[in-house]
């Protein structure tokens, strides 16, 4: 499902963010990516949805070689990937329904399918009753649920999350994790970068630890393993 071989990423300022990454993530896995700030986690995550390209190495996602993917093909590739960010990235003037529907409108999905699928995912994230609210009328946890609904409305094979609970209180964080587990149980591969020790140590999944751009630990049912 996700394979990186000999991946290096050096930015124009000379920073070597990834330093020889080799990893294989199978379909249906739930993987935490952990490590200190500045370790290379975000670069690792961004490689998976072609926000960044490797300086050297090969990245295969769903059988597609991202190193050779033409820029014009990137939007099509991303249809099979859901991405969730720490800061939600909702459109502030659109309602909850419209924010989620937008993901289907841009790929010209039939209006009848849009309505059905949007209401399905809003039901899954328990926000059907707030379909007409705008983001500013929601709590942080609810906004993140909308963000997740938008990312899964196209039934992606892979969900990538970059610190999805970083701006949330503990109760909201656990609710979001329940959602990710539900999505994973339905067959979607989940890769999540996180600093949340309690979540990683409680909901045991595969843990990939990155330090100084290298994978230093890769364990099934691993723990967080850092004191900070």
Protein backbone atom coordinates (compact mmCIF):
# COMPACT_ATOMS: atom_id res chain seq x y z
CA UNK A 1 0.00 0.00 0.00
CA UNK A 2 2.76 2.46 1.02
CA UNK A 3 6.42 1.81 0.27
CA UNK A 4 9.46 4.05 0.58
CA UNK A 5 12.92 2.93 -0.53
CA UNK A 6 16.06 4.96 0.07
CA UNK A 7 14.13 8.21 0.52
CA UNK A 8 16.07 11.40 1.19
CA UNK A 9 14.68 14.92 1.44
CA UNK A 10 16.95 17.94 1.52
CA UNK A 11 15.37 21.39 1.44
CA UNK A 12 16.87 24.36 -0.41
CA UNK A 13 18.16 25.78 2.90
CA UNK A 14 20.35 22.70 3.28
CA UNK A 15 18.28 20.97 5.98
CA UNK A 16 18.30 17.18 5.51
CA UNK A 17 14.82 16.25 6.75
CA UNK A 18 14.81 12.59 5.67
CA UNK A 19 18.00 10.58 5.59
CA UNK A 20 17.54 7.18 3.95
CA UNK A 21 13.99 6.08 4.80
CA UNK A 22 12.92 2.49 4.04
CA UNK A 23 9.41 1.49 5.11
CA UNK A 24 6.51 -0.69 4.01
CA UNK A 25 2.96 -0.17 5.28
CA UNK A 26 0.37 -2.80 4.42
CA UNK A 27 -3.25 -2.28 3.51
CA UNK A 28 -5.48 -1.91 6.57
CA UNK A 29 -2.69 -1.06 9.02
CA UNK A 30 -2.93 1.69 11.64
CA UNK A 31 0.48 3.33 12.08
CA UNK A 32 1.61 6.06 14.47
CA UNK A 33 4.59 8.20 13.44
CA UNK A 34 6.35 9.62 16.50
CA UNK A 35 9.53 11.49 17.32
CA UNK A 36 10.88 14.81 18.63
CA UNK A 37 9.97 18.12 17.00
CA UNK A 38 12.09 18.64 13.90
CA UNK A 39 12.78 14.91 13.53
CA UNK A 40 11.30 14.69 10.02
CA UNK A 41 7.77 13.46 10.80
CA UNK A 42 5.98 16.15 8.78
CA UNK A 43 8.26 15.64 5.77
CA UNK A 44 7.62 11.89 6.03
CA UNK A 45 3.86 12.49 6.09
CA UNK A 46 3.91 15.07 3.26
CA UNK A 47 5.70 12.61 0.98
CA UNK A 48 2.66 10.32 1.09
CA UNK A 49 0.27 12.81 -0.48
CA UNK A 50 2.85 14.43 -2.76
CA UNK A 51 2.97 17.74 -0.92
CA UNK A 52 6.75 17.21 -1.07
CA UNK A 53 8.90 15.20 -3.46
CA UNK A 54 11.96 13.23 -2.37
CA UNK A 55 15.41 14.50 -3.28
CA UNK A 56 16.34 10.86 -3.86
CA UNK A 57 14.59 7.52 -3.56
CA UNK A 58 11.32 5.86 -4.54
CA UNK A 59 7.85 6.25 -3.04
CA UNK A 60 5.06 3.91 -4.13
CA UNK A 61 1.51 4.59 -2.97
CA UNK A 62 -1.27 2.29 -4.21
CA UNK A 63 1.08 1.10 -6.96
CA UNK A 64 1.78 4.65 -8.15
CA UNK A 65 5.38 5.89 -8.27
CA UNK A 66 5.11 9.39 -6.78
CA UNK A 67 8.62 10.30 -7.86
CA UNK A 68 7.50 10.02 -11.49
CA UNK A 69 3.98 11.39 -11.08
CA UNK A 70 3.36 14.41 -13.29
CA UNK A 71 2.02 17.49 -11.44
CA UNK A 72 -1.14 17.40 -13.58
CA UNK A 73 -1.90 13.89 -12.23
CA UNK A 74 -1.52 14.80 -8.54
CA UNK A 75 -5.19 15.85 -7.98
CA UNK A 76 -6.40 12.54 -9.43
CA UNK A 77 -3.95 10.61 -7.23
CA UNK A 78 -5.16 12.45 -4.12
CA UNK A 79 -8.76 11.31 -4.63
CA UNK A 80 -7.83 8.02 -2.98
CA UNK A 81 -6.17 9.68 -0.01
CA UNK A 82 -7.82 11.48 2.89
CA UNK A 83 -5.71 14.07 4.70
CA UNK A 84 -6.51 15.53 8.14
CA UNK A 85 -4.56 18.44 9.60
CA UNK A 86 -4.10 19.88 13.09
CA UNK A 87 -5.72 23.18 12.10
CA UNK A 88 -8.84 21.70 10.41
CA UNK A 89 -8.55 23.85 7.20
CA UNK A 90 -12.32 24.31 6.89
CA UNK A 91 -13.83 26.95 4.62
CA UNK A 92 -15.20 29.47 7.16
CA UNK A 93 -18.16 30.79 5.15
CA UNK A 94 -19.50 27.38 4.16
CA UNK A 95 -21.78 25.24 6.30
CA UNK A 96 -20.74 21.86 7.66
CA UNK A 97 -22.66 20.19 4.83
CA UNK A 98 -21.08 22.44 2.19
CA UNK A 99 -17.55 21.90 3.52
CA UNK A 100 -17.93 18.14 3.19
CA UNK A 101 -19.81 18.31 -0.12
CA UNK A 102 -17.07 20.50 -1.62
CA UNK A 103 -14.70 17.51 -1.70
CA UNK A 104 -17.14 15.73 -4.03
CA UNK A 105 -18.15 18.76 -6.07
CA UNK A 106 -14.56 19.38 -7.20
CA UNK A 107 -14.47 15.88 -8.73
CA UNK A 108 -17.90 16.47 -10.35
CA UNK A 109 -19.75 13.76 -8.47
CA UNK A 110 -23.48 13.49 -9.27
CA UNK A 111 -25.56 15.77 -6.98
CA UNK A 112 -27.74 12.87 -5.80
CA UNK A 113 -24.65 10.90 -4.74
CA UNK A 114 -23.21 13.97 -3.03
CA UNK A 115 -26.24 14.40 -0.76
CA UNK A 116 -26.37 10.72 0.17
CA UNK A 117 -22.66 10.39 0.89
CA UNK A 118 -22.37 13.67 2.81
CA UNK A 119 -25.21 12.70 5.12
CA UNK A 120 -23.70 9.22 5.56
CA UNK A 121 -20.35 10.57 6.76
CA UNK A 122 -21.94 13.30 8.90
CA UNK A 123 -23.89 10.51 10.58
CA UNK A 124 -20.64 8.57 11.12
CA UNK A 125 -18.96 11.59 12.77
CA UNK A 126 -22.16 12.34 14.74
CA UNK A 127 -22.72 15.79 13.26
CA UNK A 128 -25.80 15.20 11.11
CA UNK A 129 -27.75 17.55 13.38
CA UNK A 130 -25.26 20.38 12.71
CA UNK A 131 -25.19 20.15 8.92
CA UNK A 132 -26.33 23.78 8.56
CA UNK A 133 -23.90 25.27 11.08
CA UNK A 134 -20.79 27.17 10.00
CA UNK A 135 -17.36 26.30 11.48
CA UNK A 136 -17.29 29.24 13.92
CA UNK A 137 -20.43 27.85 15.58
CA UNK A 138 -18.69 24.55 16.37
CA UNK A 139 -16.24 23.46 19.07
CA UNK A 140 -12.69 22.50 18.10
CA UNK A 141 -13.53 18.81 18.38
CA UNK A 142 -16.56 19.26 16.15
CA UNK A 143 -14.52 21.16 13.57
CA UNK A 144 -12.02 18.31 13.48
CA UNK A 145 -14.90 15.86 12.97
CA UNK A 146 -16.01 17.91 9.96
CA UNK A 147 -12.45 17.81 8.65
CA UNK A 148 -12.44 14.02 9.02
CA UNK A 149 -15.85 13.73 7.35
CA UNK A 150 -14.56 15.76 4.40
CA UNK A 151 -11.48 13.55 4.11
CA UNK A 152 -13.43 10.25 4.08
CA UNK A 153 -16.45 11.25 2.00
CA UNK A 154 -14.69 9.89 -1.09
CA UNK A 155 -14.02 6.54 0.65
CA UNK A 156 -10.23 6.83 0.48
CA UNK A 157 -7.98 3.77 0.72
CA UNK A 158 -5.50 5.71 2.84
CA UNK A 159 -6.01 8.32 5.54
CA UNK A 160 -3.07 10.48 6.55
CA UNK A 161 -3.32 12.59 9.70
CA UNK A 162 -0.77 15.17 10.84
CA UNK A 163 -1.23 15.88 14.58
CA UNK A 164 -5.04 15.59 14.32
CA UNK A 165 -5.56 15.96 18.09
CA UNK A 166 -2.90 18.65 18.59
CA UNK A 167 -5.37 21.51 19.14
CA UNK A 168 -8.00 19.54 21.06
CA UNK A 169 -8.83 18.93 24.71
CA UNK A 170 -8.46 15.35 26.02
CA UNK A 171 -12.15 14.42 25.71
CA UNK A 172 -12.33 15.63 22.12
CA UNK A 173 -9.06 13.83 21.34
CA UNK A 174 -10.44 10.48 22.49
CA UNK A 175 -13.58 11.04 20.42
CA UNK A 176 -11.45 11.70 17.35
CA UNK A 177 -9.45 8.53 18.02
CA UNK A 178 -12.67 6.52 18.23
CA UNK A 179 -13.46 7.84 14.76
CA UNK A 180 -10.07 6.90 13.35
CA UNK A 181 -10.43 3.40 14.78
CA UNK A 182 -13.86 3.05 13.18
CA UNK A 183 -12.49 4.22 9.82
CA UNK A 184 -9.56 1.80 10.13
CA UNK A 185 -11.91 -1.06 11.02
CA UNK A 186 -13.71 -0.41 7.74
CA UNK A 187 -10.49 -1.19 5.87
CA UNK A 188 -8.85 2.21 5.43
CA UNK A 189 -5.10 2.37 6.08
CA UNK A 190 -4.37 5.06 8.69
CA UNK A 191 -1.00 6.81 9.13
CA UNK A 192 -0.96 9.36 11.95
CA UNK A 193 1.86 11.65 13.10
CA UNK A 194 1.32 12.49 16.76
CA UNK A 195 2.93 13.83 19.93
CA UNK A 196 0.13 12.40 22.09
CA UNK A 197 1.86 9.89 24.37
CA UNK A 198 -1.33 8.82 26.15
CA UNK A 199 -3.15 7.93 22.94
CA UNK A 200 -0.22 5.95 21.53
CA UNK A 201 0.32 4.05 24.80
CA UNK A 202 -3.40 3.31 25.28
CA UNK A 203 -4.52 2.42 21.76
CA UNK A 204 -1.66 0.14 20.76
CA UNK A 205 -0.83 0.08 17.06
CA UNK A 206 2.32 -0.07 14.97
CA UNK A 207 4.76 2.71 15.94
CA UNK A 208 7.39 4.18 13.61
CA UNK A 209 9.80 6.48 15.46
CA UNK A 210 11.82 9.03 13.48
CA UNK A 211 14.86 10.90 14.76
CA UNK A 212 17.17 13.12 12.71
CA UNK A 213 15.46 12.00 9.52
CA UNK A 214 15.97 8.27 10.16
CA UNK A 215 13.65 5.50 11.34
CA UNK A 216 15.10 4.42 14.69
CA UNK A 217 12.27 2.12 15.79
CA UNK A 218 9.48 0.23 14.04
CA UNK A 219 7.34 -1.90 16.36
CA UNK A 220 3.97 -3.60 16.16
CA UNK A 221 1.85 -2.62 19.16
CA UNK A 222 4.65 -0.25 20.19
CA UNK A 223 4.64 2.53 22.76
CA UNK A 224 5.41 6.23 22.47
CA UNK A 225 8.86 5.86 23.99
CA UNK A 226 9.78 9.51 24.65
CA UNK A 227 9.84 11.57 27.82
CA UNK A 228 8.73 14.78 26.06
